[in-house]
Amino acid sequence: MRVAMYYNNNDVRLEELPVPQIGSGEVLVKVVAAGICGSDVMEWYRIKKAPIVLGHEVTGDIVEVGAGITDFAPGDRVIFTHHVPCNNCRYCLRGENTLCDLLHHTTFDPGGFAQYVRVPKVNVDKGGVIHLPDSVSYEVGTFIEPLGCVMRGQRKLNIQPGNAVLVLGSGLSGLLHIKLAQTLGAGRVVATDVSPFRLQAALDAGADAAFNAVEGNVVARVVEANNGRGYDHVIVCTTVPIVFQQALRVADKGGNVLLFAINTPGTEVPFAIHDFYQKGITLMSTYGASPLDLQEALAMLQYRRVEVKSLITHRLPLSETQKGFQLTAKGENSLKVIIDPQR
């Protein structure tokens, strides 16, 4: 079978690997659509594992099931995830499933930028394979994983109707945060970015206002856009260190700051601890999505509570995966790039 083998963001090669052989309790999936995630192009993280087949936002058709499988059959449309929690450890039992040690060690064989993927027994057993309804296209289904991550983060924020939400960084995750916050009843949603293309995308996604993060006094401008008040929830979707300081400045008293974007290890961001303390800000982070988050994201897409099709800017065959990585890494005129491994 053909795979897109990652060496670095500018070197993704079309190569051949054997079709994986499945065992008891496993399933073999023919990949129909695979989205390129922003984490796929975090070269500092990915390159140490290269060469590797990446891709975890995937949908497809089951073509073979192993012994003991009763919930799935050949021909089933599915979304499947590489990370699953054990559901039994102290972290899972208190609802912090994405902190589970098992979740950080599970995967599938190989990654989603391949024509076929073997989903291990543990993934199947722990809810890592989900039926994809006929009403949800394979392409839209690739958003279930990133939207699940966003939903997990906003569940921590507990956005209430009428709350003011500021999204710092209007890449794909930022746009999903804008859309979901509106669905949850946020009263005002404002966004920032440095790219004119993404600022327009934020407005198209429903933001009430969008500001260039490096032009003028952006802190004053975003506060003015909320009638002179700070924001109940500030969601950081970029790794630029100065944005963290902006987030603390524009958060209202008693507000929340959610760190959604992952930064390079060792990055240190100084901030005024006195101001942080006096304003009573709650600082939190989030990582990944659990099977429950994926189920909830699927429902949001299935019942059209969150629209995502308009976020797809490029559809490419497997042979052009390198182009897709470059588009995603630059982010100049792309939002979501979908790879079709069967083309």
Protein backbone atom coordinates (compact mmCIF):
# COMPACT_ATOMS: atom_id res chain seq x y z
CA MET A 1 0.00 0.00 0.00
CA ARG A 2 1.02 3.64 -0.41
CA VAL A 3 1.88 5.83 2.56
CA ALA A 4 3.12 9.39 3.04
CA MET A 5 6.32 9.00 5.07
CA TYR A 6 7.26 12.06 7.13
CA TYR A 7 10.93 13.06 7.39
CA ASN A 8 10.37 16.78 8.05
CA ASN A 9 7.82 19.42 7.09
CA ASN A 10 9.49 19.87 3.70
CA ASP A 11 10.24 16.21 3.07
CA VAL A 12 7.20 13.93 3.02
CA ARG A 13 7.72 11.03 0.62
CA LEU A 14 5.29 8.69 -1.10
CA GLU A 15 6.50 5.20 -0.14
CA GLU A 16 5.28 1.58 -0.10
CA LEU A 17 4.54 -0.52 3.00
CA PRO A 18 2.80 -3.87 3.37
CA VAL A 19 -0.89 -3.77 4.23
CA PRO A 20 -1.02 -4.43 8.00
CA GLN A 21 -2.14 -7.88 9.13
CA ILE A 22 -4.73 -7.79 11.89
CA GLY A 23 -5.10 -10.10 14.87
CA SER A 24 -7.84 -11.04 17.29
CA GLY A 25 -9.93 -8.09 18.42
CA GLU A 26 -8.45 -5.74 15.80
CA VAL A 27 -9.91 -4.06 12.71
CA LEU A 28 -8.44 -3.03 9.36
CA VAL A 29 -9.69 0.27 7.98
CA LYS A 30 -9.43 1.64 4.46
CA VAL A 31 -8.71 5.33 4.99
CA VAL A 32 -10.97 7.63 2.99
CA ALA A 33 -10.07 11.03 4.47
CA ALA A 34 -7.29 12.28 6.75
CA GLY A 35 -6.89 15.83 8.01
CA ILE A 36 -3.53 17.49 8.63
CA CYS A 37 -3.45 18.74 12.21
CA GLY A 38 -1.42 21.70 13.42
CA SER A 39 0.41 19.28 15.72
CA ASP A 40 1.51 17.26 12.68
CA VAL A 41 3.68 20.20 11.59
CA MET A 42 5.28 20.81 15.02
CA GLU A 43 8.66 19.88 13.62
CA TRP A 44 10.51 20.12 16.96
CA TYR A 45 8.28 17.30 18.22
CA ARG A 46 7.74 15.19 15.13
CA ILE A 47 11.23 15.11 13.64
CA LYS A 48 12.71 13.09 16.52
CA LYS A 49 10.32 10.27 15.60
CA ALA A 50 10.99 10.44 11.86
CA PRO A 51 10.69 8.65 9.56
CA ILE A 52 7.07 8.10 10.52
CA VAL A 53 3.61 7.98 8.98
CA LEU A 54 1.55 10.66 10.73
CA GLY A 55 -2.17 11.44 10.61
CA HIS A 56 -4.74 11.04 13.39
CA GLU A 57 -7.81 12.91 12.13
CA VAL A 58 -9.11 10.01 10.07
CA THR A 59 -12.24 8.38 8.74
CA GLY A 60 -12.74 5.34 6.54
CA ASP A 61 -14.41 1.99 5.91
CA ILE A 62 -13.74 -1.20 7.83
CA VAL A 63 -12.55 -3.88 5.40
CA GLU A 64 -11.65 -6.67 7.83
CA VAL A 65 -12.39 -7.57 11.45
CA GLY A 66 -10.49 -9.91 13.74
CA ALA A 67 -11.84 -12.75 15.84
CA GLY A 68 -14.15 -11.67 18.64
CA ILE A 69 -15.31 -8.44 17.00
CA THR A 70 -19.10 -8.11 17.25
CA ASP A 71 -19.74 -4.35 17.15
CA PHE A 72 -18.19 -3.75 13.74
CA ALA A 73 -18.33 -5.44 10.33
CA PRO A 74 -16.74 -4.95 6.91
CA GLY A 75 -18.34 -2.00 5.17
CA ASP A 76 -18.96 0.03 8.33
CA ARG A 77 -18.12 3.73 8.08
CA VAL A 78 -16.00 4.78 11.08
CA ILE A 79 -14.00 7.48 12.77
CA PHE A 80 -11.09 6.08 14.77
CA THR A 81 -8.59 7.62 17.13
CA HIS A 82 -4.97 6.81 17.96
CA HIS A 83 -5.18 7.70 21.67
CA VAL A 84 -7.49 5.94 24.15
CA PRO A 85 -7.60 6.09 27.98
CA CYS A 86 -7.83 3.07 30.26
CA ASN A 87 -10.97 4.43 32.01
CA ASN A 88 -9.81 2.82 35.27
CA CYS A 89 -6.86 4.83 36.63
CA ARG A 90 -7.11 7.65 39.17
CA TYR A 91 -7.01 10.26 36.39
CA CYS A 92 -9.76 8.62 34.33
CA LEU A 93 -11.96 8.11 37.38
CA ARG A 94 -11.90 11.83 38.14
CA GLY A 95 -12.64 12.75 34.52
CA GLU A 96 -9.09 13.66 33.47
CA ASN A 97 -8.94 10.92 30.83
CA THR A 98 -6.37 12.70 28.69
CA LEU A 99 -3.86 12.57 31.56
CA CYS A 100 -4.07 8.77 31.55
CA ASP A 101 -0.72 7.03 31.03
CA LEU A 102 -2.24 4.56 28.59
CA LEU A 103 -3.60 7.35 26.39
CA HIS A 104 -0.06 8.64 25.86
CA HIS A 105 1.19 5.25 24.68
CA THR A 106 -1.56 4.02 22.35
CA THR A 107 -1.51 4.48 18.58
CA PHE A 108 -2.50 2.71 15.37
CA ASP A 109 -0.48 1.10 12.59
CA PRO A 110 0.66 3.10 10.67
CA GLY A 111 -0.62 6.71 10.81
CA GLY A 112 -3.62 7.99 8.90
CA PHE A 113 -1.69 9.19 5.84
CA ALA A 114 -1.81 5.65 4.48
CA GLN A 115 -4.25 3.64 2.42
CA TYR A 116 -4.94 1.16 5.24
CA VAL A 117 -4.62 1.31 9.03
CA ARG A 118 -4.65 -1.49 11.62
CA VAL A 119 -6.50 -0.44 14.76
CA PRO A 120 -5.18 -2.41 17.77
CA LYS A 121 -7.44 -4.32 20.16
CA VAL A 122 -6.94 -1.86 23.01
CA ASN A 123 -8.17 1.01 20.83
CA VAL A 124 -11.23 -0.97 19.79
CA ASP A 125 -11.97 -2.09 23.37
CA LYS A 126 -11.57 1.38 24.88
CA GLY A 127 -13.90 3.24 22.52
CA GLY A 128 -11.37 4.33 19.92
CA VAL A 129 -13.54 3.26 16.97
CA ILE A 130 -16.88 5.02 16.45
CA HIS A 131 -19.56 4.44 13.84
CA LEU A 132 -19.81 7.35 11.39
CA PRO A 133 -23.46 8.07 10.49
CA ASP A 134 -24.35 8.23 6.79
CA SER A 135 -25.42 11.85 7.32
CA VAL A 136 -21.83 12.87 8.18
CA SER A 137 -19.39 12.90 5.26
CA TYR A 138 -15.93 11.39 5.59
CA GLU A 139 -14.40 14.87 5.25
CA VAL A 140 -16.58 16.39 7.95
CA GLY A 141 -15.83 13.33 10.07
CA THR A 142 -12.14 14.28 10.17
CA PHE A 143 -13.16 17.26 12.34
CA ILE A 144 -14.48 15.01 15.11
CA GLU A 145 -11.04 14.70 16.74
CA PRO A 146 -10.07 18.41 16.66
CA LEU A 147 -13.59 19.48 17.66
CA GLY A 148 -13.48 16.93 20.49
CA CYS A 149 -10.31 18.60 21.77
CA VAL A 150 -12.00 22.00 21.61
CA MET A 151 -15.10 20.70 23.39
CA ARG A 152 -12.98 19.28 26.19
CA GLY A 153 -11.31 22.66 26.67
CA GLN A 154 -14.56 24.61 26.67
CA ARG A 155 -16.13 22.15 29.10
CA LYS A 156 -13.39 23.16 31.55
CA LEU A 157 -14.22 26.83 30.95
CA ASN A 158 -17.93 26.20 31.55
CA ILE A 159 -19.03 28.99 29.20
CA GLN A 160 -22.42 30.37 30.22
CA PRO A 161 -24.96 32.22 28.05
CA GLY A 162 -23.93 35.85 27.67
CA ASN A 163 -20.27 35.31 28.63
CA ALA A 164 -17.63 37.23 26.69
CA VAL A 165 -15.01 35.05 24.99
CA LEU A 166 -11.70 36.14 23.46
CA VAL A 167 -9.83 33.75 21.16
CA LEU A 168 -6.15 34.59 20.68
CA GLY A 169 -5.01 32.95 17.43
CA SER A 170 -7.42 32.22 14.57
CA GLY A 171 -5.98 29.08 13.06
CA LEU A 172 -8.15 25.99 12.70
CA SER A 173 -8.45 25.38 16.46
CA GLY A 174 -9.19 29.04 17.11
CA LEU A 175 -11.96 29.01 14.51
CA LEU A 176 -13.49 25.90 16.06
CA HIS A 177 -13.39 27.64 19.44
CA ILE A 178 -15.22 30.63 17.94
CA LYS A 179 -17.91 28.43 16.44
CA LEU A 180 -18.39 26.30 19.55
CA ALA A 181 -18.48 29.29 21.92
CA GLN A 182 -21.31 30.73 19.87
CA THR A 183 -23.15 27.43 19.94
CA LEU A 184 -22.83 27.38 23.73
CA GLY A 185 -24.43 30.82 23.94
CA ALA A 186 -21.49 33.19 24.41
CA GLY A 187 -22.70 36.78 24.30
CA ARG A 188 -19.69 38.21 22.52
CA VAL A 189 -16.82 36.46 20.76
CA VAL A 190 -13.74 38.39 19.68
CA ALA A 191 -10.58 37.07 18.00
CA THR A 192 -7.03 38.10 17.16
CA ASP A 193 -4.36 36.93 14.71
CA VAL A 194 -1.55 38.40 12.61
CA SER A 195 -2.75 37.04 9.27
CA PRO A 196 -5.34 39.05 7.29
CA PHE A 197 -6.55 35.76 5.80
CA ARG A 198 -7.22 34.27 9.22
CA LEU A 199 -8.72 37.46 10.60
CA GLN A 200 -11.27 37.33 7.81
CA ALA A 201 -11.79 33.63 8.52
CA ALA A 202 -12.53 34.53 12.15
CA LEU A 203 -15.20 36.98 11.04
CA ASP A 204 -16.60 34.43 8.61
CA ALA A 205 -16.73 31.91 11.47
CA GLY A 206 -18.92 34.30 13.41
CA ALA A 207 -16.58 36.42 15.53
CA ASP A 208 -18.12 39.78 16.43
CA ALA A 209 -14.75 41.46 15.85
CA ALA A 210 -11.22 40.47 14.86
CA PHE A 211 -8.03 42.43 15.46
CA ASN A 212 -4.45 42.23 14.26
CA ALA A 213 -2.46 41.11 17.29
CA VAL A 214 0.58 43.28 16.51
CA GLU A 215 -1.01 46.50 15.30
CA GLY A 216 -1.54 49.35 17.74
CA ASN A 217 -2.58 48.75 21.32
CA VAL A 218 -4.37 45.46 20.77
CA VAL A 219 -5.16 45.04 24.47
CA ALA A 220 -7.04 48.32 24.56
CA ARG A 221 -8.80 47.53 21.30
CA VAL A 222 -10.10 44.13 22.34
CA VAL A 223 -11.28 45.47 25.71
CA GLU A 224 -13.04 48.33 23.93
CA ALA A 225 -14.73 45.73 21.70
CA ASN A 226 -16.27 44.27 24.87
CA ASN A 227 -17.71 47.60 26.02
CA GLY A 228 -14.62 48.39 28.08
CA ARG A 229 -14.72 45.22 30.16
CA GLY A 230 -12.38 42.28 30.41
CA TYR A 231 -13.35 38.84 29.11
CA ASP A 232 -14.92 36.03 31.09
CA HIS A 233 -12.90 33.49 29.10
CA VAL A 234 -9.68 33.92 27.14
CA ILE A 235 -8.56 31.01 24.96
CA VAL A 236 -4.91 30.97 23.86
CA CYS A 237 -4.57 29.22 20.49
CA THR A 238 -1.09 30.38 19.56
CA THR A 239 2.36 29.74 21.00
CA VAL A 240 3.72 33.30 20.68
CA PRO A 241 4.90 34.08 24.25
CA ILE A 242 3.63 37.67 24.32
CA VAL A 243 0.09 36.45 23.78
CA PHE A 244 0.11 34.80 27.20
CA GLN A 245 0.77 38.19 28.79
CA GLN A 246 -2.00 39.71 26.69
CA ALA A 247 -4.38 36.99 27.89
CA LEU A 248 -3.78 37.83 31.56
CA ARG A 249 -4.24 41.53 30.89
CA VAL A 250 -7.56 41.23 29.09
CA ALA A 251 -9.12 38.58 31.34
CA ASP A 252 -11.80 40.04 33.60
CA LYS A 253 -11.69 39.74 37.38
CA GLY A 254 -12.52 36.15 38.20
CA GLY A 255 -12.04 35.22 34.55
CA ASN A 256 -10.50 32.11 33.02
CA VAL A 257 -7.47 31.71 30.76
CA LEU A 258 -7.27 28.44 28.83
CA LEU A 259 -3.93 27.40 27.31
CA PHE A 260 -4.94 25.41 24.24
CA ALA A 261 -1.78 25.64 22.13
CA ILE A 262 1.31 23.62 23.05
CA ASN A 263 4.65 25.41 23.23
CA THR A 264 8.21 24.22 22.72
CA PRO A 265 9.63 22.61 25.90
CA GLY A 266 11.75 25.06 27.87
CA THR A 267 9.81 28.15 26.78
CA GLU A 268 9.42 30.49 29.73
CA VAL A 269 6.91 33.32 29.83
CA PRO A 270 7.30 35.94 32.60
CA PHE A 271 4.14 37.56 33.90
CA ALA A 272 3.10 39.80 36.78
CA ILE A 273 2.10 37.40 39.53
CA HIS A 274 0.67 40.27 41.60
CA ASP A 275 -1.83 41.23 38.89
CA PHE A 276 -2.69 37.58 38.35
CA TYR A 277 -3.41 37.17 42.05
CA GLN A 278 -5.39 40.38 42.48
CA LYS A 279 -7.67 39.66 39.53
CA GLY A 280 -8.43 36.14 40.78
CA ILE A 281 -7.77 34.61 37.37
CA THR A 282 -8.05 30.86 36.91
CA LEU A 283 -5.33 29.54 34.61
CA MET A 284 -5.93 26.12 33.05
CA SER A 285 -4.71 23.93 30.22
CA THR A 286 -6.17 21.12 28.17
CA TYR A 287 -4.83 18.27 26.07
CA GLY A 288 -6.43 15.94 23.57
CA ALA A 289 -9.85 14.33 23.61
CA SER A 290 -11.39 11.26 25.20
CA PRO A 291 -13.81 8.90 23.42
CA LEU A 292 -16.65 10.71 25.22
CA ASP A 293 -15.44 14.03 23.79
CA LEU A 294 -15.39 12.48 20.33
CA GLN A 295 -18.94 11.20 20.74
CA GLU A 296 -20.11 14.67 21.75
CA ALA A 297 -18.24 16.26 18.85
CA LEU A 298 -19.85 13.79 16.47
CA ALA A 299 -23.29 14.79 17.76
CA MET A 300 -22.46 18.47 17.23
CA LEU A 301 -21.52 17.75 13.62
CA GLN A 302 -24.30 15.27 12.95
CA TYR A 303 -27.01 17.68 14.09
CA ARG A 304 -25.27 20.67 12.49
CA ARG A 305 -24.76 22.57 15.73
CA VAL A 306 -21.25 23.37 14.50
CA GLU A 307 -20.59 23.86 10.76
CA VAL A 308 -17.11 22.89 9.58
CA LYS A 309 -17.25 22.19 5.85
CA SER A 310 -16.48 25.84 5.05
CA LEU A 311 -13.15 25.48 6.91
CA ILE A 312 -11.79 23.00 4.34
CA THR A 313 -9.55 24.98 1.99
CA HIS A 314 -7.60 22.19 0.27
CA ARG A 315 -8.29 18.61 -0.79
CA LEU A 316 -5.18 16.75 -1.94
CA PRO A 317 -4.22 13.24 -3.06
CA LEU A 318 -1.76 11.22 -0.97
CA SER A 319 1.02 12.05 -3.43
CA GLU A 320 0.68 15.75 -2.50
CA THR A 321 0.85 15.30 1.27
CA GLN A 322 4.11 17.28 1.39
CA LYS A 323 2.31 20.23 -0.20
CA GLY A 324 -0.37 19.85 2.45
CA PHE A 325 2.22 19.96 5.24
CA GLN A 326 3.77 23.09 3.79
CA LEU A 327 0.38 24.78 3.47
CA THR A 328 -0.48 23.92 7.06
CA ALA A 329 2.91 24.98 8.44
CA LYS A 330 2.78 28.37 6.69
CA GLY A 331 -0.90 28.97 7.32
CA GLU A 332 -0.96 31.83 4.84
CA ASN A 333 -4.01 30.85 2.80
CA SER A 334 -5.09 27.54 4.25
CA LEU A 335 -7.27 26.43 7.13
CA LYS A 336 -7.94 22.71 6.88
CA VAL A 337 -6.13 20.44 4.43
CA ILE A 338 -7.71 17.06 3.77
CA ILE A 339 -5.70 14.17 2.28
CA ASP A 340 -7.39 11.41 0.27
CA PRO A 341 -5.08 8.35 0.54
CA GLN A 342 -6.98 6.49 -2.17
CA ARG A 343 -6.11 9.13 -4.81
